[in-house]
Amino acid sequence: MIFTVAIDGPAAAGKGTISRAIAARFGLRHLDTGLLYRAVGRKVLEGAEPVAAARALVPEDLNVPGLRGSEAAAAASQVATIADVRAALVDFQRDFARFDGGAVLDGRDICTVICPDAAVKLYVTASPEVRAERRFLELSQAGADVTRDGVLQDVLARDARDMGRAEAPLVAAADAVVIDTSDMAIDEAVERAADVVAAARKD
């Protein structure tokens, strides 16, 4: 059975945590599509040409150390503005979404571009200040030398790139269920998403 859950939203809104929880609860495969762009960004930082790096990407590239770091994140946001990079990664994502047994994909354009016919569409968001605080605490606990204001500026800059790019900008699909996690505990957000998925699976 093909059952696709598509989840979009800005950085540090909680969509990754929600996606993994939904996949585990309902027995679905999970793909953090942002890792695709981070992997391409990492290759670019190492000297590769962006489009060539995207076309040569293989699943093993998603397990490279450092993809969760801020350097890879910044590079990912930049390469994601390149139309040919995005086009090269579309088939990878759509093939994953058609997995027999169901799949959860989270990213920036899953509901609007990659899986517009997904059974469930969620847009997970939160205020920039809340997302920046979450990211600051995560980076600080990992030993990174960061400041709250610096992280907030990074979040705002990334939002501007993701929402302002000409190719597949970050936007909530018209038929997506919006989950604002600004004032939600993560468990509450997961339960809200799970209710939407459970209702769709009954239809």
N, C-alpha and C. Protein backbone atom coordinates (compact mmCIF):
# COMPACT_ATOMS: atom_id res chain seq x y z
N MET A 1 0.83 -1.20 0.00
CA MET A 1 0.00 0.00 0.00
C MET A 1 0.87 1.25 0.00
N ILE A 2 0.57 2.16 -0.93
CA ILE A 2 1.28 3.43 -0.95
C ILE A 2 0.50 4.44 -0.11
N PHE A 3 1.13 4.90 0.96
CA PHE A 3 0.51 5.88 1.85
C PHE A 3 1.60 6.88 2.21
N THR A 4 1.49 8.08 1.69
CA THR A 4 2.56 9.07 1.87
C THR A 4 2.14 10.17 2.83
N VAL A 5 3.00 10.44 3.80
CA VAL A 5 2.83 11.57 4.71
C VAL A 5 3.89 12.60 4.34
N ALA A 6 3.45 13.76 3.91
CA ALA A 6 4.35 14.84 3.50
C ALA A 6 4.35 15.93 4.56
N ILE A 7 5.53 16.30 5.02
CA ILE A 7 5.64 17.29 6.09
C ILE A 7 6.63 18.38 5.69
N ASP A 8 6.17 19.61 5.65
CA ASP A 8 7.01 20.76 5.34
C ASP A 8 7.11 21.68 6.55
N GLY A 9 8.05 22.63 6.47
CA GLY A 9 8.17 23.62 7.52
C GLY A 9 9.58 24.16 7.61
N PRO A 10 9.75 25.28 8.29
CA PRO A 10 11.07 25.91 8.43
C PRO A 10 11.96 25.15 9.41
N ALA A 11 13.22 25.54 9.45
CA ALA A 11 14.21 24.90 10.31
C ALA A 11 13.82 25.02 11.79
N ALA A 12 14.06 23.95 12.54
CA ALA A 12 13.90 23.90 14.00
C ALA A 12 12.46 24.09 14.47
N ALA A 13 11.50 23.80 13.59
CA ALA A 13 10.10 23.89 13.99
C ALA A 13 9.63 22.62 14.68
N GLY A 14 10.38 21.53 14.50
CA GLY A 14 10.02 20.26 15.12
C GLY A 14 9.58 19.20 14.13
N LYS A 15 9.64 19.51 12.83
CA LYS A 15 9.11 18.56 11.85
C LYS A 15 9.92 17.27 11.78
N GLY A 16 11.23 17.35 12.03
CA GLY A 16 12.05 16.14 12.00
C GLY A 16 11.66 15.18 13.11
N THR A 17 11.51 15.72 14.30
CA THR A 17 11.11 14.90 15.46
C THR A 17 9.72 14.31 15.23
N ILE A 18 8.81 15.12 14.74
CA ILE A 18 7.45 14.65 14.46
C ILE A 18 7.47 13.58 13.38
N SER A 19 8.23 13.80 12.34
CA SER A 19 8.30 12.84 11.23
C SER A 19 8.81 11.49 11.68
N ARG A 20 9.89 11.50 12.45
CA ARG A 20 10.44 10.24 12.94
C ARG A 20 9.45 9.52 13.85
N ALA A 21 8.76 10.27 14.69
CA ALA A 21 7.78 9.67 15.60
C ALA A 21 6.61 9.07 14.84
N ILE A 22 6.14 9.78 13.82
CA ILE A 22 5.02 9.28 13.01
C ILE A 22 5.43 8.02 12.26
N ALA A 23 6.63 8.03 11.69
CA ALA A 23 7.12 6.85 10.97
C ALA A 23 7.19 5.64 11.89
N ALA A 24 7.71 5.84 13.09
CA ALA A 24 7.84 4.74 14.04
C ALA A 24 6.47 4.23 14.49
N ARG A 25 5.56 5.15 14.76
CA ARG A 25 4.26 4.75 15.29
C ARG A 25 3.43 3.97 14.26
N PHE A 26 3.51 4.40 13.00
CA PHE A 26 2.66 3.77 11.97
C PHE A 26 3.42 2.78 11.08
N GLY A 27 4.67 2.52 11.41
CA GLY A 27 5.42 1.54 10.64
C GLY A 27 5.75 1.98 9.23
N LEU A 28 6.09 3.26 9.06
CA LEU A 28 6.40 3.81 7.75
C LEU A 28 7.88 4.12 7.62
N ARG A 29 8.40 4.09 6.39
CA ARG A 29 9.79 4.51 6.17
C ARG A 29 9.87 6.03 6.30
N HIS A 30 11.04 6.54 6.69
CA HIS A 30 11.21 7.97 6.88
C HIS A 30 12.39 8.52 6.08
N LEU A 31 12.19 9.66 5.46
CA LEU A 31 13.27 10.34 4.76
C LEU A 31 13.29 11.81 5.14
N ASP A 32 14.39 12.23 5.74
CA ASP A 32 14.63 13.65 6.00
C ASP A 32 15.25 14.20 4.73
N THR A 33 14.43 14.82 3.88
CA THR A 33 14.93 15.25 2.57
C THR A 33 15.96 16.36 2.69
N GLY A 34 15.97 17.05 3.83
CA GLY A 34 16.99 18.06 4.04
C GLY A 34 18.39 17.48 4.01
N LEU A 35 18.50 16.19 4.39
CA LEU A 35 19.81 15.54 4.36
C LEU A 35 20.34 15.44 2.94
N LEU A 36 19.44 15.32 1.97
CA LEU A 36 19.88 15.28 0.57
C LEU A 36 20.62 16.56 0.22
N TYR A 37 20.04 17.67 0.61
CA TYR A 37 20.65 18.97 0.30
C TYR A 37 21.89 19.22 1.15
N ARG A 38 21.86 18.73 2.39
CA ARG A 38 23.05 18.86 3.24
C ARG A 38 24.20 18.03 2.66
N ALA A 39 23.88 16.85 2.13
CA ALA A 39 24.91 16.01 1.54
C ALA A 39 25.50 16.66 0.29
N VAL A 40 24.64 17.27 -0.52
CA VAL A 40 25.12 18.01 -1.69
C VAL A 40 25.95 19.20 -1.24
N GLY A 41 25.45 19.92 -0.23
CA GLY A 41 26.17 21.08 0.28
C GLY A 41 27.54 20.70 0.80
N ARG A 42 27.63 19.56 1.49
CA ARG A 42 28.92 19.08 1.99
C ARG A 42 29.88 18.80 0.84
N LYS A 43 29.38 18.20 -0.22
CA LYS A 43 30.24 17.92 -1.38
C LYS A 43 30.72 19.22 -2.03
N VAL A 44 29.85 20.23 -2.05
CA VAL A 44 30.22 21.53 -2.62
C VAL A 44 31.31 22.18 -1.76
N LEU A 45 31.17 22.09 -0.45
CA LEU A 45 32.19 22.63 0.45
C LEU A 45 33.54 21.95 0.22
N GLU A 46 33.49 20.71 -0.25
CA GLU A 46 34.71 19.95 -0.52
C GLU A 46 35.23 20.17 -1.93
N GLY A 47 34.51 21.03 -2.69
CA GLY A 47 35.01 21.40 -4.01
C GLY A 47 34.21 20.90 -5.19
N ALA A 48 33.13 20.16 -4.95
CA ALA A 48 32.34 19.63 -6.05
C ALA A 48 31.45 20.70 -6.66
N GLU A 49 31.06 20.49 -7.91
CA GLU A 49 30.11 21.38 -8.58
C GLU A 49 28.71 20.97 -8.14
N PRO A 50 27.82 21.91 -7.77
CA PRO A 50 26.54 21.57 -7.15
C PRO A 50 25.66 20.60 -7.94
N VAL A 51 25.45 20.85 -9.21
CA VAL A 51 24.54 20.01 -9.99
C VAL A 51 25.13 18.61 -10.16
N ALA A 52 26.42 18.54 -10.43
CA ALA A 52 27.07 17.24 -10.58
C ALA A 52 26.99 16.46 -9.27
N ALA A 53 27.16 17.14 -8.14
CA ALA A 53 27.09 16.48 -6.83
C ALA A 53 25.69 15.93 -6.59
N ALA A 54 24.67 16.69 -6.97
CA ALA A 54 23.29 16.25 -6.77
C ALA A 54 22.97 15.03 -7.64
N ARG A 55 23.44 15.06 -8.87
CA ARG A 55 23.16 13.95 -9.79
C ARG A 55 23.88 12.67 -9.39
N ALA A 56 24.99 12.81 -8.68
CA ALA A 56 25.79 11.64 -8.30
C ALA A 56 25.45 11.13 -6.90
N LEU A 57 24.48 11.77 -6.23
CA LEU A 57 24.18 11.41 -4.85
C LEU A 57 23.67 9.98 -4.73
N VAL A 58 24.15 9.26 -3.73
CA VAL A 58 23.69 7.90 -3.45
C VAL A 58 23.29 7.83 -1.97
N PRO A 59 22.45 6.86 -1.60
CA PRO A 59 21.97 6.78 -0.21
C PRO A 59 23.08 6.81 0.84
N GLU A 60 24.23 6.23 0.52
CA GLU A 60 25.33 6.19 1.47
C GLU A 60 25.83 7.59 1.84
N ASP A 61 25.62 8.55 0.94
CA ASP A 61 26.07 9.92 1.20
C ASP A 61 25.31 10.57 2.35
N LEU A 62 24.16 9.99 2.72
CA LEU A 62 23.34 10.56 3.79
C LEU A 62 23.84 10.16 5.16
N ASN A 63 24.84 9.29 5.20
CA ASN A 63 25.39 8.83 6.47
C ASN A 63 26.74 9.45 6.80
N VAL A 64 27.14 10.45 6.02
CA VAL A 64 28.43 11.10 6.23
C VAL A 64 28.39 11.94 7.51
N PRO A 65 29.39 11.85 8.38
CA PRO A 65 29.41 12.66 9.61
C PRO A 65 29.40 14.16 9.29
N GLY A 66 28.77 14.92 10.15
CA GLY A 66 28.78 16.38 10.01
C GLY A 66 27.62 16.97 9.25
N LEU A 67 26.72 16.13 8.73
CA LEU A 67 25.62 16.68 7.93
C LEU A 67 24.63 17.47 8.78
N ARG A 68 24.62 17.24 10.09
CA ARG A 68 23.69 17.96 10.96
C ARG A 68 24.27 19.28 11.46
N GLY A 69 25.50 19.57 11.11
CA GLY A 69 26.14 20.79 11.59
C GLY A 69 25.67 22.05 10.88
N SER A 70 26.00 23.20 11.46
CA SER A 70 25.54 24.47 10.91
C SER A 70 26.19 24.78 9.56
N GLU A 71 27.43 24.34 9.35
CA GLU A 71 28.11 24.60 8.07
C GLU A 71 27.39 23.88 6.93
N ALA A 72 27.05 22.63 7.14
CA ALA A 72 26.34 21.87 6.12
C ALA A 72 24.94 22.43 5.91
N ALA A 73 24.32 22.91 6.99
CA ALA A 73 22.97 23.49 6.88
C ALA A 73 22.98 24.74 6.01
N ALA A 74 23.97 25.61 6.23
CA ALA A 74 24.08 26.83 5.44
C ALA A 74 24.34 26.51 3.97
N ALA A 75 25.20 25.54 3.74
CA ALA A 75 25.51 25.15 2.36
C ALA A 75 24.28 24.54 1.69
N ALA A 76 23.52 23.76 2.46
CA ALA A 76 22.31 23.14 1.92
C ALA A 76 21.30 24.18 1.48
N SER A 77 21.11 25.20 2.30
CA SER A 77 20.15 26.25 1.97
C SER A 77 20.56 26.99 0.70
N GLN A 78 21.85 27.12 0.47
CA GLN A 78 22.34 27.80 -0.72
C GLN A 78 22.18 26.95 -1.97
N VAL A 79 22.56 25.67 -1.90
CA VAL A 79 22.44 24.83 -3.10
C VAL A 79 20.98 24.56 -3.43
N ALA A 80 20.11 24.63 -2.43
CA ALA A 80 18.69 24.38 -2.67
C ALA A 80 18.04 25.46 -3.52
N THR A 81 18.71 26.60 -3.68
CA THR A 81 18.17 27.66 -4.53
C THR A 81 18.46 27.40 -6.00
N ILE A 82 19.26 26.39 -6.31
CA ILE A 82 19.65 26.08 -7.69
C ILE A 82 18.64 25.11 -8.29
N ALA A 83 17.94 25.56 -9.33
CA ALA A 83 16.85 24.77 -9.92
C ALA A 83 17.32 23.39 -10.37
N ASP A 84 18.48 23.31 -10.98
CA ASP A 84 18.97 22.03 -11.50
C ASP A 84 19.34 21.06 -10.38
N VAL A 85 19.75 21.59 -9.23
CA VAL A 85 20.02 20.74 -8.08
C VAL A 85 18.71 20.13 -7.59
N ARG A 86 17.70 20.94 -7.45
CA ARG A 86 16.40 20.46 -6.98
C ARG A 86 15.84 19.43 -7.95
N ALA A 87 15.96 19.69 -9.25
CA ALA A 87 15.45 18.76 -10.25
C ALA A 87 16.15 17.41 -10.16
N ALA A 88 17.44 17.44 -9.89
CA ALA A 88 18.21 16.20 -9.81
C ALA A 88 17.79 15.33 -8.63
N LEU A 89 17.24 15.96 -7.60
CA LEU A 89 16.87 15.21 -6.39
C LEU A 89 15.39 14.83 -6.33
N VAL A 90 14.61 15.32 -7.30
CA VAL A 90 13.17 15.05 -7.29
C VAL A 90 12.88 13.55 -7.42
N ASP A 91 13.52 12.89 -8.39
CA ASP A 91 13.24 11.47 -8.60
C ASP A 91 13.59 10.64 -7.38
N PHE A 92 14.71 10.97 -6.73
CA PHE A 92 15.14 10.26 -5.51
C PHE A 92 14.02 10.31 -4.48
N GLN A 93 13.46 11.50 -4.29
CA GLN A 93 12.43 11.68 -3.26
C GLN A 93 11.12 11.02 -3.66
N ARG A 94 10.73 11.14 -4.92
CA ARG A 94 9.45 10.56 -5.35
C ARG A 94 9.50 9.04 -5.33
N ASP A 95 10.64 8.47 -5.67
CA ASP A 95 10.78 7.02 -5.60
C ASP A 95 10.62 6.54 -4.16
N PHE A 96 11.20 7.28 -3.23
CA PHE A 96 11.09 6.93 -1.81
C PHE A 96 9.63 7.02 -1.37
N ALA A 97 8.93 8.06 -1.82
CA ALA A 97 7.55 8.28 -1.41
C ALA A 97 6.61 7.17 -1.89
N ARG A 98 7.00 6.49 -2.97
CA ARG A 98 6.15 5.43 -3.52
C ARG A 98 6.44 4.06 -2.92
N PHE A 99 7.20 4.04 -1.86
CA PHE A 99 7.54 2.76 -1.21
C PHE A 99 6.27 2.02 -0.80
N ASP A 100 6.19 0.74 -1.17
CA ASP A 100 5.03 -0.07 -0.84
C ASP A 100 5.05 -0.36 0.67
N GLY A 101 4.09 0.18 1.36
CA GLY A 101 4.06 0.05 2.81
C GLY A 101 3.96 1.40 3.49
N GLY A 102 4.24 2.46 2.71
CA GLY A 102 4.08 3.82 3.21
C GLY A 102 5.37 4.51 3.59
N ALA A 103 5.35 5.82 3.52
CA ALA A 103 6.55 6.60 3.80
C ALA A 103 6.20 7.98 4.34
N VAL A 104 7.11 8.49 5.14
CA VAL A 104 7.02 9.86 5.65
C VAL A 104 8.22 10.62 5.11
N LEU A 105 7.97 11.76 4.48
CA LEU A 105 9.04 12.61 3.97
C LEU A 105 8.88 13.99 4.59
N ASP A 106 9.97 14.55 5.09
CA ASP A 106 9.89 15.92 5.60
C ASP A 106 10.94 16.78 4.92
N GLY A 107 10.57 18.04 4.71
CA GLY A 107 11.48 18.96 4.03
C GLY A 107 10.88 20.33 3.86
N ARG A 108 11.13 20.93 2.70
CA ARG A 108 10.66 22.29 2.43
C ARG A 108 9.60 22.37 1.34
N ASP A 109 9.57 21.38 0.44
CA ASP A 109 8.63 21.45 -0.68
C ASP A 109 7.97 20.10 -0.95
N ILE A 110 7.81 19.30 0.09
CA ILE A 110 7.26 17.96 -0.08
C ILE A 110 5.78 18.02 -0.42
N CYS A 111 5.03 18.83 0.30
CA CYS A 111 3.59 18.95 0.04
C CYS A 111 3.30 19.66 -1.28
N THR A 112 4.11 20.64 -1.61
CA THR A 112 3.81 21.50 -2.76
C THR A 112 4.38 20.99 -4.08
N VAL A 113 5.52 20.29 -4.04
CA VAL A 113 6.21 19.90 -5.27
C VAL A 113 6.43 18.39 -5.38
N ILE A 114 7.03 17.81 -4.36
CA ILE A 114 7.45 16.40 -4.45
C ILE A 114 6.26 15.46 -4.39
N CYS A 115 5.38 15.65 -3.44
CA CYS A 115 4.23 14.74 -3.23
C CYS A 115 2.93 15.53 -3.11
N PRO A 116 2.52 16.24 -4.17
CA PRO A 116 1.29 17.04 -4.07
C PRO A 116 0.03 16.23 -3.86
N ASP A 117 0.10 14.89 -4.11
CA ASP A 117 -1.06 14.03 -3.92
C ASP A 117 -0.93 13.17 -2.66
N ALA A 118 -0.07 13.57 -1.73
CA ALA A 118 0.13 12.80 -0.50
C ALA A 118 -1.18 12.64 0.27
N ALA A 119 -1.31 11.50 0.93
CA ALA A 119 -2.52 11.24 1.71
C ALA A 119 -2.65 12.20 2.88
N VAL A 120 -1.50 12.60 3.44
CA VAL A 120 -1.48 13.55 4.56
C VAL A 120 -0.46 14.63 4.26
N LYS A 121 -0.86 15.88 4.46
CA LYS A 121 0.05 17.00 4.30
C LYS A 121 0.05 17.83 5.59
N LEU A 122 1.22 18.01 6.14
CA LEU A 122 1.36 18.80 7.36
C LEU A 122 2.36 19.91 7.14
N TYR A 123 2.10 21.06 7.74
CA TYR A 123 3.05 22.18 7.72
C TYR A 123 3.35 22.50 9.17
N VAL A 124 4.56 22.16 9.60
CA VAL A 124 4.96 22.35 10.99
C VAL A 124 5.79 23.63 11.09
N THR A 125 5.36 24.54 11.93
CA THR A 125 6.05 25.83 12.02
C THR A 125 6.14 26.29 13.48
N ALA A 126 6.83 27.39 13.69
CA ALA A 126 6.95 28.03 15.00
C ALA A 126 7.56 29.41 14.73
N SER A 127 7.48 30.29 15.70
CA SER A 127 8.03 31.63 15.51
C SER A 127 9.55 31.55 15.36
N PRO A 128 10.16 32.51 14.65
CA PRO A 128 11.61 32.50 14.49
C PRO A 128 12.34 32.52 15.83
N GLU A 129 11.81 33.26 16.79
CA GLU A 129 12.46 33.36 18.10
C GLU A 129 12.47 32.02 18.82
N VAL A 130 11.36 31.32 18.77
CA VAL A 130 11.27 30.00 19.42
C VAL A 130 12.19 29.01 18.72
N ARG A 131 12.19 29.03 17.40
CA ARG A 131 13.05 28.11 16.65
C ARG A 131 14.52 28.40 16.89
N ALA A 132 14.86 29.68 16.98
CA ALA A 132 16.25 30.05 17.23
C ALA A 132 16.70 29.60 18.62
N GLU A 133 15.82 29.74 19.61
CA GLU A 133 16.16 29.29 20.97
C GLU A 133 16.38 27.79 21.00
N ARG A 134 15.54 27.04 20.32
CA ARG A 134 15.71 25.59 20.26
C ARG A 134 17.05 25.23 19.61
N ARG A 135 17.33 25.91 18.51
CA ARG A 135 18.56 25.62 17.79
C ARG A 135 19.78 26.02 18.63
N PHE A 136 19.69 27.14 19.33
CA PHE A 136 20.79 27.60 20.19
C PHE A 136 21.09 26.56 21.27
N LEU A 137 20.03 26.06 21.92
CA LEU A 137 20.22 25.08 22.99
C LEU A 137 20.82 23.78 22.43
N GLU A 138 20.36 23.38 21.26
CA GLU A 138 20.88 22.16 20.63
C GLU A 138 22.37 22.30 20.31
N LEU A 139 22.73 23.43 19.72
CA LEU A 139 24.13 23.66 19.35
C LEU A 139 25.01 23.83 20.58
N SER A 140 24.51 24.53 21.58
CA SER A 140 25.28 24.75 22.81
C SER A 140 25.57 23.43 23.51
N GLN A 141 24.55 22.58 23.58
CA GLN A 141 24.72 21.28 24.23
C GLN A 141 25.71 20.40 23.47
N ALA A 142 25.85 20.68 22.17
CA ALA A 142 26.79 19.92 21.35
C ALA A 142 28.20 20.51 21.41
N GLY A 143 28.34 21.62 22.17
CA GLY A 143 29.65 22.22 22.34
C GLY A 143 30.00 23.31 21.36
N ALA A 144 29.04 23.73 20.53
CA ALA A 144 29.31 24.76 19.53
C ALA A 144 29.43 26.13 20.20
N ASP A 145 30.29 26.97 19.67
CA ASP A 145 30.49 28.33 20.18
C ASP A 145 29.53 29.27 19.46
N VAL A 146 28.33 29.44 20.00
CA VAL A 146 27.30 30.24 19.35
C VAL A 146 26.66 31.20 20.35
N THR A 147 25.99 32.22 19.82
CA THR A 147 25.23 33.14 20.65
C THR A 147 23.77 33.09 20.23
N ARG A 148 22.89 33.48 21.14
CA ARG A 148 21.47 33.48 20.81
C ARG A 148 21.18 34.40 19.63
N ASP A 149 21.76 35.60 19.64
CA ASP A 149 21.49 36.54 18.56
C ASP A 149 22.05 36.01 17.24
N GLY A 150 23.22 35.40 17.29
CA GLY A 150 23.82 34.86 16.08
C GLY A 150 22.97 33.76 15.48
N VAL A 151 22.44 32.88 16.32
CA VAL A 151 21.59 31.79 15.84
C VAL A 151 20.30 32.35 15.27
N LEU A 152 19.73 33.37 15.93
CA LEU A 152 18.50 33.98 15.42
C LEU A 152 18.73 34.58 14.04
N GLN A 153 19.85 35.26 13.87
CA GLN A 153 20.15 35.85 12.56
C GLN A 153 20.32 34.76 11.50
N ASP A 154 20.92 33.64 11.88
CA ASP A 154 21.06 32.52 10.95
C ASP A 154 19.69 31.96 10.56
N VAL A 155 18.80 31.84 11.54
CA VAL A 155 17.45 31.33 11.28
C VAL A 155 16.70 32.26 10.33
N LEU A 156 16.79 33.56 10.60
CA LEU A 156 16.09 34.53 9.76
C LEU A 156 16.66 34.54 8.33
N ALA A 157 17.98 34.41 8.22
CA ALA A 157 18.61 34.40 6.89
C ALA A 157 18.19 33.14 6.13
N ARG A 158 18.15 32.02 6.83
CA ARG A 158 17.75 30.77 6.17
C ARG A 158 16.29 30.83 5.75
N ASP A 159 15.43 31.38 6.61
CA ASP A 159 14.02 31.56 6.23
C ASP A 159 13.90 32.40 4.97
N ALA A 160 14.67 33.48 4.91
CA ALA A 160 14.60 34.38 3.76
C ALA A 160 15.00 33.64 2.48
N ARG A 161 16.05 32.82 2.57
CA ARG A 161 16.47 32.05 1.39
C ARG A 161 15.42 31.02 1.01
N ASP A 162 14.92 30.29 2.01
CA ASP A 162 13.98 29.21 1.72
C ASP A 162 12.64 29.73 1.22
N MET A 163 12.17 30.82 1.78
CA MET A 163 10.87 31.36 1.40
C MET A 163 10.94 32.27 0.19
N GLY A 164 12.12 32.81 -0.09
CA GLY A 164 12.24 33.79 -1.16
C GLY A 164 12.80 33.25 -2.45
N ARG A 165 13.22 31.98 -2.48
CA ARG A 165 13.81 31.45 -3.71
C ARG A 165 12.75 31.32 -4.81
N ALA A 166 13.17 31.47 -6.04
CA ALA A 166 12.25 31.40 -7.17
C ALA A 166 11.77 29.97 -7.41
N GLU A 167 12.64 28.99 -7.16
CA GLU A 167 12.31 27.59 -7.41
C GLU A 167 11.80 26.93 -6.13
N ALA A 168 10.53 26.51 -6.15
CA ALA A 168 9.92 25.78 -5.03
C ALA A 168 10.15 26.44 -3.67
N PRO A 169 9.68 27.66 -3.49
CA PRO A 169 9.86 28.32 -2.19
C PRO A 169 9.10 27.60 -1.08
N LEU A 170 9.58 27.78 0.14
CA LEU A 170 8.90 27.20 1.30
C LEU A 170 7.60 27.95 1.54
N VAL A 171 6.50 27.21 1.47
CA VAL A 171 5.18 27.79 1.71
C VAL A 171 4.25 26.65 2.12
N ALA A 172 3.27 26.95 2.95
CA ALA A 172 2.31 25.93 3.34
C ALA A 172 1.37 25.64 2.19
N ALA A 173 1.22 24.35 1.84
CA ALA A 173 0.26 23.97 0.81
C ALA A 173 -1.15 24.36 1.26
N ALA A 174 -1.99 24.71 0.29
CA ALA A 174 -3.33 25.18 0.61
C ALA A 174 -4.14 24.16 1.40
N ASP A 175 -3.86 22.86 1.16
CA ASP A 175 -4.62 21.81 1.84
C ASP A 175 -3.84 21.13 2.96
N ALA A 176 -2.76 21.76 3.40
CA ALA A 176 -1.97 21.19 4.50
C ALA A 176 -2.58 21.56 5.85
N VAL A 177 -2.45 20.67 6.81
CA VAL A 177 -2.83 20.96 8.19
C VAL A 177 -1.65 21.65 8.85
N VAL A 178 -1.85 22.86 9.35
CA VAL A 178 -0.79 23.64 9.97
C VAL A 178 -0.70 23.31 11.46
N ILE A 179 0.50 22.97 11.90
CA ILE A 179 0.75 22.71 13.32
C ILE A 179 1.80 23.70 13.79
N ASP A 180 1.39 24.68 14.60
CA ASP A 180 2.31 25.69 15.14
C ASP A 180 2.79 25.20 16.50
N THR A 181 4.08 24.88 16.57
CA THR A 181 4.64 24.29 17.79
C THR A 181 5.23 25.33 18.74
N SER A 182 4.99 26.61 18.48
CA SER A 182 5.59 27.66 19.31
C SER A 182 5.30 27.47 20.79
N ASP A 183 4.05 27.10 21.09
CA ASP A 183 3.64 26.94 22.49
C ASP A 183 3.26 25.50 22.82
N MET A 184 3.78 24.56 22.03
CA MET A 184 3.47 23.15 22.22
C MET A 184 4.67 22.38 22.75
N ALA A 185 4.43 21.44 23.64
CA ALA A 185 5.45 20.46 23.98
C ALA A 185 5.54 19.51 22.79
N ILE A 186 6.70 18.90 22.59
CA ILE A 186 6.88 18.05 21.42
C ILE A 186 5.92 16.88 21.43
N ASP A 187 5.62 16.32 22.61
CA ASP A 187 4.68 15.20 22.69
C ASP A 187 3.30 15.61 22.21
N GLU A 188 2.91 16.83 22.54
CA GLU A 188 1.61 17.35 22.12
C GLU A 188 1.57 17.51 20.60
N ALA A 189 2.66 18.00 20.03
CA ALA A 189 2.73 18.19 18.58
C ALA A 189 2.68 16.84 17.86
N VAL A 190 3.38 15.86 18.41
CA VAL A 190 3.37 14.51 17.81
C VAL A 190 1.95 13.94 17.83
N GLU A 191 1.25 14.10 18.95
CA GLU A 191 -0.10 13.57 19.05
C GLU A 191 -1.05 14.26 18.08
N ARG A 192 -0.85 15.57 17.89
CA ARG A 192 -1.69 16.30 16.92
C ARG A 192 -1.47 15.74 15.51
N ALA A 193 -0.21 15.53 15.16
CA ALA A 193 0.10 14.98 13.84
C ALA A 193 -0.42 13.56 13.70
N ALA A 194 -0.25 12.76 14.76
CA ALA A 194 -0.70 11.37 14.73
C ALA A 194 -2.21 11.27 14.54
N ASP A 195 -2.95 12.19 15.13
CA ASP A 195 -4.41 12.20 14.96
C ASP A 195 -4.78 12.42 13.50
N VAL A 196 -4.06 13.32 12.83
CA VAL A 196 -4.33 13.60 11.41
C VAL A 196 -4.02 12.37 10.55
N VAL A 197 -2.89 11.73 10.84
CA VAL A 197 -2.50 10.55 10.08
C VAL A 197 -3.47 9.41 10.31
N ALA A 198 -3.84 9.18 11.55
CA ALA A 198 -4.77 8.09 11.87
C ALA A 198 -6.11 8.29 11.17
N ALA A 199 -6.59 9.52 11.14
CA ALA A 199 -7.86 9.81 10.47
C ALA A 199 -7.78 9.52 8.98
N ALA A 200 -6.63 9.86 8.37
CA ALA A 200 -6.45 9.63 6.94
C ALA A 200 -6.36 8.15 6.62
N ARG A 201 -5.77 7.37 7.50
CA ARG A 201 -5.63 5.93 7.26
C ARG A 201 -6.98 5.21 7.38
N LYS A 202 -7.91 5.81 8.06
CA LYS A 202 -9.26 5.21 8.17
C LYS A 202 -10.09 5.43 6.92
N ASP A 203 -9.76 6.49 6.17
CA ASP A 203 -10.55 6.84 4.98
C ASP A 203 -10.36 5.82 3.86
